[in-house]
N, C-alpha and C. Protein backbone atom coordinates (compact mmCIF):
# COMPACT_ATOMS: atom_id res chain seq x y z
N MET A 1 107.00 106.88 115.78
CA MET A 1 105.89 106.58 115.07
C MET A 1 104.60 107.12 115.88
N ILE A 2 103.65 107.30 115.26
CA ILE A 2 102.57 107.91 115.67
C ILE A 2 101.63 107.25 116.31
N ASP A 3 101.18 107.02 118.16
CA ASP A 3 100.34 106.15 118.86
C ASP A 3 99.24 107.23 119.07
N ASP A 4 98.04 107.14 118.54
CA ASP A 4 96.93 107.75 118.11
C ASP A 4 95.84 106.38 117.52
N PRO A 5 95.17 106.65 118.73
CA PRO A 5 93.91 105.34 118.27
C PRO A 5 93.09 105.61 117.32
N LEU A 6 93.07 107.13 116.91
CA LEU A 6 91.99 107.82 116.03
C LEU A 6 92.66 107.73 114.86
N LEU A 7 93.71 107.67 114.47
CA LEU A 7 94.75 107.71 113.21
C LEU A 7 95.01 106.50 113.14
N ARG A 8 95.22 105.51 113.93
CA ARG A 8 95.12 104.36 113.82
C ARG A 8 93.84 103.32 113.26
N ALA A 9 92.93 103.71 113.48
CA ALA A 9 91.38 103.37 113.43
C ALA A 9 91.41 104.00 111.41
N ARG A 10 91.66 105.21 111.64
CA ARG A 10 91.32 105.75 110.04
C ARG A 10 92.46 104.77 108.92
N ALA A 11 93.35 104.41 109.40
CA ALA A 11 94.62 103.66 108.53
C ALA A 11 94.00 102.34 108.76
N GLY A 12 93.38 101.75 109.48
CA GLY A 12 92.35 100.39 109.78
C GLY A 12 91.51 100.18 108.39
N ALA A 13 90.76 101.40 108.66
CA ALA A 13 89.82 101.31 107.68
C ALA A 13 90.30 101.22 106.41
N LEU A 14 91.76 102.03 105.67
CA LEU A 14 91.95 102.48 104.69
C LEU A 14 92.29 101.36 104.13
N VAL A 15 93.15 100.52 105.08
CA VAL A 15 93.78 99.14 105.03
C VAL A 15 92.63 98.41 104.09
N ALA A 16 91.42 98.56 105.14
CA ALA A 16 90.66 97.69 104.75
C ALA A 16 89.67 98.06 103.26
N ALA A 17 89.63 99.06 103.01
CA ALA A 17 89.04 99.61 101.93
C ALA A 17 90.03 98.98 100.55
N TYR A 18 90.97 99.65 100.84
CA TYR A 18 91.76 99.22 99.43
C TYR A 18 92.36 98.04 99.51
N ALA A 19 92.43 97.13 100.00
CA ALA A 19 92.61 95.40 100.04
C ALA A 19 91.10 94.93 99.55
N ALA A 20 89.67 95.25 99.63
CA ALA A 20 88.98 95.13 99.51
C ALA A 20 88.49 95.21 98.03
N ALA A 21 88.93 96.57 97.67
CA ALA A 21 89.30 96.73 96.09
C ALA A 21 90.66 96.31 95.42
N GLY A 22 91.26 95.53 96.16
CA GLY A 22 92.51 94.86 95.60
C GLY A 22 93.52 95.96 94.88
N ARG A 23 93.81 97.27 95.43
CA ARG A 23 94.49 98.28 95.07
C ARG A 23 95.30 98.33 96.05
N ARG A 24 96.44 99.37 95.59
CA ARG A 24 97.68 99.01 96.55
C ARG A 24 98.61 100.39 96.35
N ILE A 25 98.53 100.70 97.74
CA ILE A 25 99.50 102.24 97.95
C ILE A 25 101.13 102.10 97.59
N ALA A 26 101.73 103.27 97.21
CA ALA A 26 103.22 103.60 98.03
C ALA A 26 103.30 105.16 98.50
N CYS A 27 104.00 105.36 99.12
CA CYS A 27 103.86 106.23 100.12
C CYS A 27 105.67 107.03 99.32
N ALA A 28 105.49 108.25 99.41
CA ALA A 28 106.61 109.21 98.81
C ALA A 28 106.89 109.81 100.19
N GLU A 29 108.03 109.74 101.18
CA GLU A 29 107.85 110.79 102.28
C GLU A 29 109.23 111.61 102.44
N SER A 30 109.28 113.23 102.31
CA SER A 30 109.97 113.82 102.92
C SER A 30 109.79 114.45 104.39
N CYS A 31 108.96 115.03 104.82
CA CYS A 31 109.34 115.98 106.11
C CYS A 31 108.71 114.85 107.15
N THR A 32 107.92 114.38 106.81
CA THR A 32 107.27 113.03 107.40
C THR A 32 107.98 111.65 107.64
N GLY A 33 109.21 111.58 106.55
CA GLY A 33 109.95 110.64 107.41
C GLY A 33 109.39 108.85 107.19
N GLY A 34 108.40 108.57 106.66
CA GLY A 34 108.18 107.28 107.02
C GLY A 34 106.56 107.02 107.76
N LEU A 35 106.32 108.13 108.14
CA LEU A 35 105.22 108.32 109.27
C LEU A 35 104.09 107.58 108.25
N VAL A 36 103.56 107.88 107.61
CA VAL A 36 102.38 107.53 106.80
C VAL A 36 102.35 105.83 106.76
N ALA A 37 103.51 105.71 105.78
CA ALA A 37 103.75 104.37 105.63
C ALA A 37 104.18 103.40 107.19
N GLY A 38 104.57 103.65 108.12
CA GLY A 38 104.79 103.17 109.40
C GLY A 38 103.43 103.13 109.92
N LEU A 39 102.54 104.17 110.02
CA LEU A 39 101.00 103.61 110.27
C LEU A 39 100.34 102.96 109.72
N LEU A 40 100.49 103.21 108.01
CA LEU A 40 99.72 102.07 107.49
C LEU A 40 99.92 100.29 107.70
N THR A 41 101.17 100.47 107.74
CA THR A 41 102.23 98.96 108.16
C THR A 41 101.90 98.45 109.37
N ALA A 42 101.40 99.48 110.29
CA ALA A 42 101.00 98.69 111.62
C ALA A 42 100.14 98.14 111.68
N ILE A 43 99.23 98.18 110.67
CA ILE A 43 97.48 97.38 110.46
C ILE A 43 97.84 96.15 110.22
N ALA A 44 97.23 94.78 110.85
CA ALA A 44 97.20 93.66 110.18
C ALA A 44 96.60 93.68 109.03
N GLY A 45 97.43 92.62 108.50
CA GLY A 45 96.84 92.80 106.79
C GLY A 45 97.46 93.62 105.95
N SER A 46 98.05 94.95 106.49
CA SER A 46 98.47 96.09 105.32
C SER A 46 99.94 95.51 104.14
N SER A 47 99.72 94.35 104.58
CA SER A 47 100.91 93.92 103.42
C SER A 47 100.25 93.61 101.75
N ALA A 48 98.96 93.41 101.91
CA ALA A 48 98.18 93.58 100.83
C ALA A 48 97.63 94.44 100.44
N VAL A 49 98.38 95.65 100.92
CA VAL A 49 97.70 97.14 100.68
C VAL A 49 98.93 98.08 100.31
N VAL A 50 100.03 97.78 101.22
CA VAL A 50 101.41 98.71 101.25
C VAL A 50 102.19 98.09 100.54
N GLU A 51 102.81 98.64 99.16
CA GLU A 51 103.30 98.52 98.23
C GLU A 51 104.80 98.71 98.60
N ARG A 52 104.72 99.83 98.83
CA ARG A 52 106.25 100.32 99.44
C ARG A 52 105.96 101.19 99.80
N GLY A 53 107.48 102.03 100.10
CA GLY A 53 107.40 103.40 100.61
C GLY A 53 109.02 103.87 100.48
N PHE A 54 108.74 105.17 100.05
CA PHE A 54 110.44 105.93 99.59
C PHE A 54 110.15 107.06 101.01
N VAL A 55 111.83 107.07 101.57
CA VAL A 55 111.72 108.13 102.37
C VAL A 55 112.79 108.94 101.63
N THR A 56 112.69 109.88 101.49
CA THR A 56 113.31 110.71 100.33
C THR A 56 113.56 112.00 101.21
N TYR A 57 114.05 112.19 101.86
CA TYR A 57 114.58 113.34 102.94
C TYR A 57 114.96 114.47 101.81
N SER A 58 116.55 113.88 101.59
CA SER A 58 117.07 114.79 100.55
C SER A 58 116.57 115.02 99.12
N ASN A 59 117.00 116.13 98.95
CA ASN A 59 116.81 116.39 97.26
C ASN A 59 117.83 115.28 96.30
N ALA A 60 118.90 114.46 96.64
CA ALA A 60 119.31 113.94 95.94
C ALA A 60 118.39 112.23 96.03
N ALA A 61 117.75 112.51 97.01
CA ALA A 61 117.11 110.70 97.39
C ALA A 61 115.66 111.00 96.47
N LYS A 62 115.54 112.39 96.10
CA LYS A 62 114.20 112.42 95.57
C LYS A 62 114.39 112.58 94.30
N THR A 63 115.66 112.61 93.47
CA THR A 63 115.89 112.46 92.25
C THR A 63 116.33 111.23 92.03
N GLN A 64 117.12 110.70 92.84
CA GLN A 64 117.61 109.05 92.85
C GLN A 64 116.52 108.07 92.81
N MET A 65 115.82 108.29 93.65
CA MET A 65 114.60 107.22 94.26
C MET A 65 113.08 107.61 93.10
N LEU A 66 113.20 108.99 92.74
CA LEU A 66 111.93 109.07 92.25
C LEU A 66 111.60 109.25 91.30
N GLY A 67 113.00 110.34 90.61
CA GLY A 67 113.05 110.55 89.08
C GLY A 67 112.95 112.00 89.27
N VAL A 68 112.50 113.17 90.37
CA VAL A 68 112.50 114.07 90.32
C VAL A 68 113.72 114.81 89.44
N PRO A 69 113.45 115.78 88.65
CA PRO A 69 114.24 116.15 88.10
C PRO A 69 114.85 117.62 89.14
N THR A 70 116.00 117.72 89.13
CA THR A 70 117.11 118.50 89.72
C THR A 70 116.80 119.87 89.02
N ASP A 71 116.68 119.94 88.14
CA ASP A 71 115.70 121.35 87.45
C ASP A 71 114.80 121.65 88.52
N LEU A 72 113.77 121.36 88.15
CA LEU A 72 112.56 121.30 88.98
C LEU A 72 112.96 121.45 90.14
N ILE A 73 113.47 120.88 90.95
CA ILE A 73 113.71 121.27 92.55
C ILE A 73 114.83 122.48 92.48
N ALA A 74 115.54 122.99 91.75
CA ALA A 74 116.35 124.28 91.61
C ALA A 74 115.55 125.05 91.55
N ALA A 75 114.53 125.04 90.53
CA ALA A 75 113.42 126.12 90.19
C ALA A 75 112.38 126.43 91.58
N GLU A 76 112.11 125.12 91.22
CA GLU A 76 110.62 125.49 92.42
C GLU A 76 111.05 125.52 93.68
N GLY A 77 112.29 124.66 93.95
CA GLY A 77 112.42 124.30 95.97
C GLY A 77 111.89 122.85 96.08
N ALA A 78 112.16 122.16 97.00
CA ALA A 78 112.20 121.12 97.25
C ALA A 78 110.68 120.97 97.84
N VAL A 79 110.42 121.89 98.31
CA VAL A 79 108.98 122.35 99.30
C VAL A 79 108.35 122.74 98.44
N SER A 80 107.29 122.26 97.00
CA SER A 80 106.91 123.04 96.50
C SER A 80 105.55 122.22 95.89
N GLU A 81 104.17 122.82 95.11
CA GLU A 81 103.55 121.97 94.80
C GLU A 81 104.03 120.88 93.74
N ALA A 82 104.77 121.56 92.73
CA ALA A 82 105.42 120.71 91.60
C ALA A 82 106.27 119.34 92.06
N VAL A 83 107.18 119.83 93.46
CA VAL A 83 107.94 119.07 93.59
C VAL A 83 106.78 117.79 94.26
N ALA A 84 105.76 118.00 94.98
CA ALA A 84 105.19 117.21 95.36
C ALA A 84 104.13 116.44 94.32
N GLY A 85 104.11 117.31 93.24
CA GLY A 85 103.39 116.24 92.50
C GLY A 85 104.45 115.22 91.70
N ALA A 86 105.41 115.71 91.17
CA ALA A 86 106.67 114.98 90.66
C ALA A 86 106.98 113.39 91.73
N MET A 87 107.12 113.67 92.89
CA MET A 87 107.12 112.87 94.02
C MET A 87 106.28 111.65 93.59
N ALA A 88 105.24 111.97 93.91
CA ALA A 88 103.70 111.23 93.49
C ALA A 88 103.96 110.36 92.57
N GLN A 89 104.10 111.06 91.33
CA GLN A 89 103.93 110.35 89.88
C GLN A 89 105.17 109.43 89.80
N GLY A 90 106.44 109.94 90.47
CA GLY A 90 107.19 108.95 90.41
C GLY A 90 107.36 107.76 91.39
N ALA A 91 106.64 108.15 93.02
CA ALA A 91 106.13 106.55 93.03
C ALA A 91 105.43 106.05 92.81
N LEU A 92 104.50 106.23 92.09
CA LEU A 92 103.77 105.37 91.13
C LEU A 92 104.22 104.75 89.85
N ASP A 93 104.93 105.80 89.37
CA ASP A 93 105.97 105.06 88.42
C ASP A 93 107.04 103.69 88.82
N ARG A 94 107.59 104.11 90.19
CA ARG A 94 108.81 103.01 90.51
C ARG A 94 108.14 102.07 91.38
N SER A 95 107.20 101.68 90.92
CA SER A 95 105.96 100.42 92.30
C SER A 95 105.05 100.09 91.28
N GLU A 96 104.56 98.81 92.25
CA GLU A 96 103.82 98.25 91.29
C GLU A 96 102.09 98.61 92.06
N ALA A 97 102.41 99.49 92.65
CA ALA A 97 100.87 100.65 93.14
C ALA A 97 100.13 101.07 92.56
N ASP A 98 98.81 100.76 93.00
CA ASP A 98 97.74 102.23 92.06
C ASP A 98 97.72 103.29 92.37
N VAL A 99 98.24 103.96 93.62
CA VAL A 99 97.66 105.06 93.80
C VAL A 99 99.45 105.28 94.91
N ALA A 100 99.69 106.52 94.35
CA ALA A 100 101.05 106.97 95.48
C ALA A 100 100.31 108.39 95.88
N VAL A 101 100.89 108.61 97.47
CA VAL A 101 100.90 110.07 98.39
C VAL A 101 102.10 109.95 98.32
N ALA A 102 102.24 111.71 98.42
CA ALA A 102 103.50 112.30 98.52
C ALA A 102 103.71 113.51 99.55
N ILE A 103 104.58 113.59 100.39
CA ILE A 103 104.64 114.87 101.48
C ILE A 103 106.33 115.42 101.43
N THR A 104 106.04 116.31 101.55
CA THR A 104 107.06 117.33 101.20
C THR A 104 106.86 118.92 101.86
N GLY A 105 107.30 119.28 102.89
CA GLY A 105 107.38 120.43 103.86
C GLY A 105 108.37 120.90 104.85
N ILE A 106 107.76 121.85 105.69
CA ILE A 106 109.03 122.60 106.47
C ILE A 106 108.23 122.25 107.64
N ALA A 107 109.16 120.98 108.60
CA ALA A 107 108.19 120.77 109.80
C ALA A 107 108.78 121.73 110.94
N GLY A 108 110.21 122.22 110.62
CA GLY A 108 110.64 123.04 111.81
C GLY A 108 111.62 122.43 112.54
N PRO A 109 112.17 122.75 113.64
CA PRO A 109 111.91 124.16 113.94
C PRO A 109 112.50 125.43 113.12
N GLY A 110 113.43 125.23 112.39
CA GLY A 110 114.21 126.05 111.40
C GLY A 110 113.99 125.59 109.80
N GLY A 111 114.10 126.08 109.06
CA GLY A 111 113.95 125.72 107.57
C GLY A 111 113.23 127.03 106.90
N GLY A 112 112.39 127.60 107.73
CA GLY A 112 111.61 128.62 106.78
C GLY A 112 112.24 129.65 106.31
N SER A 113 111.16 130.50 105.86
CA SER A 113 111.45 131.68 105.34
C SER A 113 110.17 132.55 104.89
N ALA A 114 110.76 133.86 104.47
CA ALA A 114 108.76 134.45 104.09
C ALA A 114 107.91 133.65 103.72
N HIS A 115 108.74 133.43 102.44
CA HIS A 115 108.03 133.14 101.72
C HIS A 115 107.29 131.35 101.33
N LYS A 116 108.35 130.42 102.14
CA LYS A 116 108.33 129.14 102.62
C LYS A 116 108.18 128.95 104.18
N PRO A 117 107.08 129.37 104.81
CA PRO A 117 107.34 129.25 106.14
C PRO A 117 107.36 128.00 106.76
N VAL A 118 107.96 127.78 107.94
CA VAL A 118 107.70 126.45 108.75
C VAL A 118 106.24 126.27 108.84
N GLY A 119 105.86 125.13 108.62
CA GLY A 119 104.31 124.58 108.52
C GLY A 119 103.95 124.42 107.52
N LEU A 120 104.72 124.58 106.44
CA LEU A 120 104.16 124.83 104.90
C LEU A 120 104.71 123.40 104.49
N VAL A 121 103.32 122.51 104.09
CA VAL A 121 103.51 121.04 103.49
C VAL A 121 102.32 120.87 102.17
N HIS A 122 103.04 120.48 101.60
CA HIS A 122 102.66 120.28 99.85
C HIS A 122 102.80 118.56 99.71
N PHE A 123 101.50 118.42 99.28
CA PHE A 123 101.14 117.24 98.79
C PHE A 123 101.02 116.66 97.49
N GLY A 124 100.89 115.32 97.01
CA GLY A 124 100.92 114.89 95.90
C GLY A 124 100.02 113.72 95.62
N LEU A 125 99.29 113.32 94.97
CA LEU A 125 98.81 111.85 94.64
C LEU A 125 98.25 111.77 93.56
N ALA A 126 98.86 110.49 93.39
CA ALA A 126 99.17 110.18 91.80
C ALA A 126 98.01 108.48 91.61
N ALA A 127 97.34 108.88 90.47
CA ALA A 127 96.40 107.37 90.38
C ALA A 127 96.64 107.02 89.41
N ALA A 128 96.55 105.60 88.96
CA ALA A 128 96.58 105.08 87.74
C ALA A 128 94.98 105.48 87.40
N GLY A 129 94.91 105.98 86.29
CA GLY A 129 93.96 106.35 84.76
C GLY A 129 93.05 107.49 85.95
N ALA A 130 93.68 108.17 86.45
CA ALA A 130 93.27 109.65 87.52
C ALA A 130 94.26 110.59 87.13
N PRO A 131 93.35 111.84 87.14
CA PRO A 131 94.51 112.87 87.07
C PRO A 131 95.25 113.35 88.38
N PRO A 132 96.43 114.11 88.47
CA PRO A 132 96.99 114.07 89.76
C PRO A 132 96.14 114.94 90.14
N ARG A 133 96.52 114.71 91.89
CA ARG A 133 96.16 116.06 92.90
C ARG A 133 96.91 116.12 94.00
N ARG A 134 96.94 117.52 94.10
CA ARG A 134 98.01 118.39 94.86
C ARG A 134 97.29 119.17 95.57
N LEU A 135 97.65 119.10 97.00
CA LEU A 135 97.11 119.95 97.98
C LEU A 135 98.04 120.59 98.79
N GLU A 136 98.02 121.98 99.39
CA GLU A 136 99.49 122.72 99.76
C GLU A 136 98.33 122.67 101.57
N ARG A 137 99.10 122.51 102.52
CA ARG A 137 98.80 122.89 103.75
C ARG A 137 99.91 124.05 104.23
N ARG A 138 99.38 125.43 104.86
CA ARG A 138 100.39 126.24 105.81
C ARG A 138 99.61 125.57 107.42
N TYR A 139 100.46 125.01 108.03
CA TYR A 139 99.73 124.83 109.25
C TYR A 139 100.11 125.97 110.34
N GLY A 140 101.12 126.49 109.78
CA GLY A 140 102.09 127.68 110.99
C GLY A 140 103.23 127.00 111.94
N ASP A 141 103.71 127.41 112.29
CA ASP A 141 104.77 126.99 113.48
C ASP A 141 104.70 126.24 114.74
N LEU A 142 103.64 125.10 114.65
CA LEU A 142 102.93 124.24 115.68
C LEU A 142 103.80 123.76 116.79
N GLY A 143 105.05 123.38 116.23
CA GLY A 143 106.25 122.28 116.32
C GLY A 143 106.42 121.47 115.53
N ARG A 144 107.17 120.37 115.38
CA ARG A 144 107.66 119.50 114.86
C ARG A 144 106.68 118.86 114.50
N ASP A 145 106.49 118.03 116.08
CA ASP A 145 106.07 116.90 116.02
C ASP A 145 104.09 117.32 115.27
N ALA A 146 103.62 118.16 115.82
CA ALA A 146 102.42 118.87 115.07
C ALA A 146 102.21 118.64 114.07
N VAL A 147 102.80 119.47 113.31
CA VAL A 147 103.44 119.65 111.68
C VAL A 147 103.17 118.43 111.00
N ARG A 148 103.99 117.60 111.40
CA ARG A 148 104.25 116.39 110.83
C ARG A 148 102.95 115.42 111.12
N ARG A 149 102.41 115.38 112.48
CA ARG A 149 101.03 114.57 112.99
C ARG A 149 99.86 115.19 112.07
N ARG A 150 99.54 116.26 111.87
CA ARG A 150 98.79 117.02 110.66
C ARG A 150 98.79 116.48 109.52
N ALA A 151 100.18 116.55 108.70
CA ALA A 151 100.51 116.11 107.65
C ALA A 151 100.21 114.25 107.14
N VAL A 152 100.64 114.13 108.21
CA VAL A 152 99.90 112.57 108.30
C VAL A 152 98.26 112.70 107.91
N GLU A 153 97.75 113.14 108.81
CA GLU A 153 96.41 113.22 108.94
C GLU A 153 95.88 113.59 107.34
N ASP A 154 96.59 114.87 107.01
CA ASP A 154 95.95 114.69 105.41
C ASP A 154 96.26 114.23 104.52
N ALA A 155 97.54 113.21 104.75
CA ALA A 155 97.94 112.17 103.43
C ALA A 155 96.82 111.17 103.63
N LEU A 156 96.65 110.64 104.65
CA LEU A 156 95.49 109.72 104.90
C LEU A 156 94.40 110.18 104.23
N ALA A 157 93.89 111.59 104.44
CA ALA A 157 92.53 112.30 103.85
C ALA A 157 92.83 112.21 102.47
N LEU A 158 93.84 112.37 101.73
CA LEU A 158 94.21 111.98 100.22
C LEU A 158 93.75 110.58 99.69
N LEU A 159 94.27 110.16 100.54
CA LEU A 159 94.19 108.13 100.57
C LEU A 159 92.53 107.95 100.57
N GLU A 160 92.05 108.67 101.60
CA GLU A 160 90.87 108.07 101.68
C GLU A 160 89.89 108.89 100.72
N SER A 161 90.06 110.20 100.49
CA SER A 161 89.06 110.19 99.43
C SER A 161 89.31 109.89 97.67
N ASN A 162 90.96 109.13 97.31
CA ASN A 162 90.68 107.74 96.39
C ASN A 162 90.03 106.89 96.29
N ILE A 163 89.53 106.50 97.63
CA ILE A 163 88.73 105.23 97.24
C ILE A 163 87.61 105.32 98.76
N ALA A 164 86.34 104.52 98.31
CA ALA A 164 85.30 105.11 99.62
C ALA A 164 85.44 104.31 100.49
N VAL A 165 85.91 104.88 101.70
CA VAL A 165 86.41 103.82 102.64
C VAL A 165 85.51 103.80 103.36
N GLY A 166 84.65 102.40 104.06
CA GLY A 166 84.09 101.83 104.63
C GLY A 166 82.58 101.43 103.63
N GLN A 167 82.77 101.84 102.44
CA GLN A 167 81.88 101.49 101.56
C GLN A 167 82.68 100.28 100.78
N ALA A 168 83.81 99.90 100.85
CA ALA A 168 84.25 98.83 99.93
C ALA A 168 83.97 97.45 100.16
């Protein structure tokens, strides 16, 4: 769990905004291993907002739990824009949420390559009635904990951009 007062405050504002709008969130996480869902569910009242979370660390989990096609993973790699988008859509389709955020990346210290270096993270956001959104970040080799923390920050930003935080 990330113990950071600023992130906790952002999570609290997100939970309040989504609750006020009557909207629910699903999280599909790979490299963050459930940190986004954990941060959101640390907030009192989050049960009205967090519909479910999927920790899909392995390729098999991405396929079995979220319906990400194995041929997509084989062609693009698990850490890719296409897979992040498919993860988000799969989480939305396999839940009762109104919005789903997905994260897949290479937190390190190993596992990177010249084409997909440590610190590369892809995000997807799928929301009912809205076009899918994708985001790529190249944080660099900051260390595993720092990459995962930055990924949580960006996942929160995607969720914030999907709803008027502080104005609901």
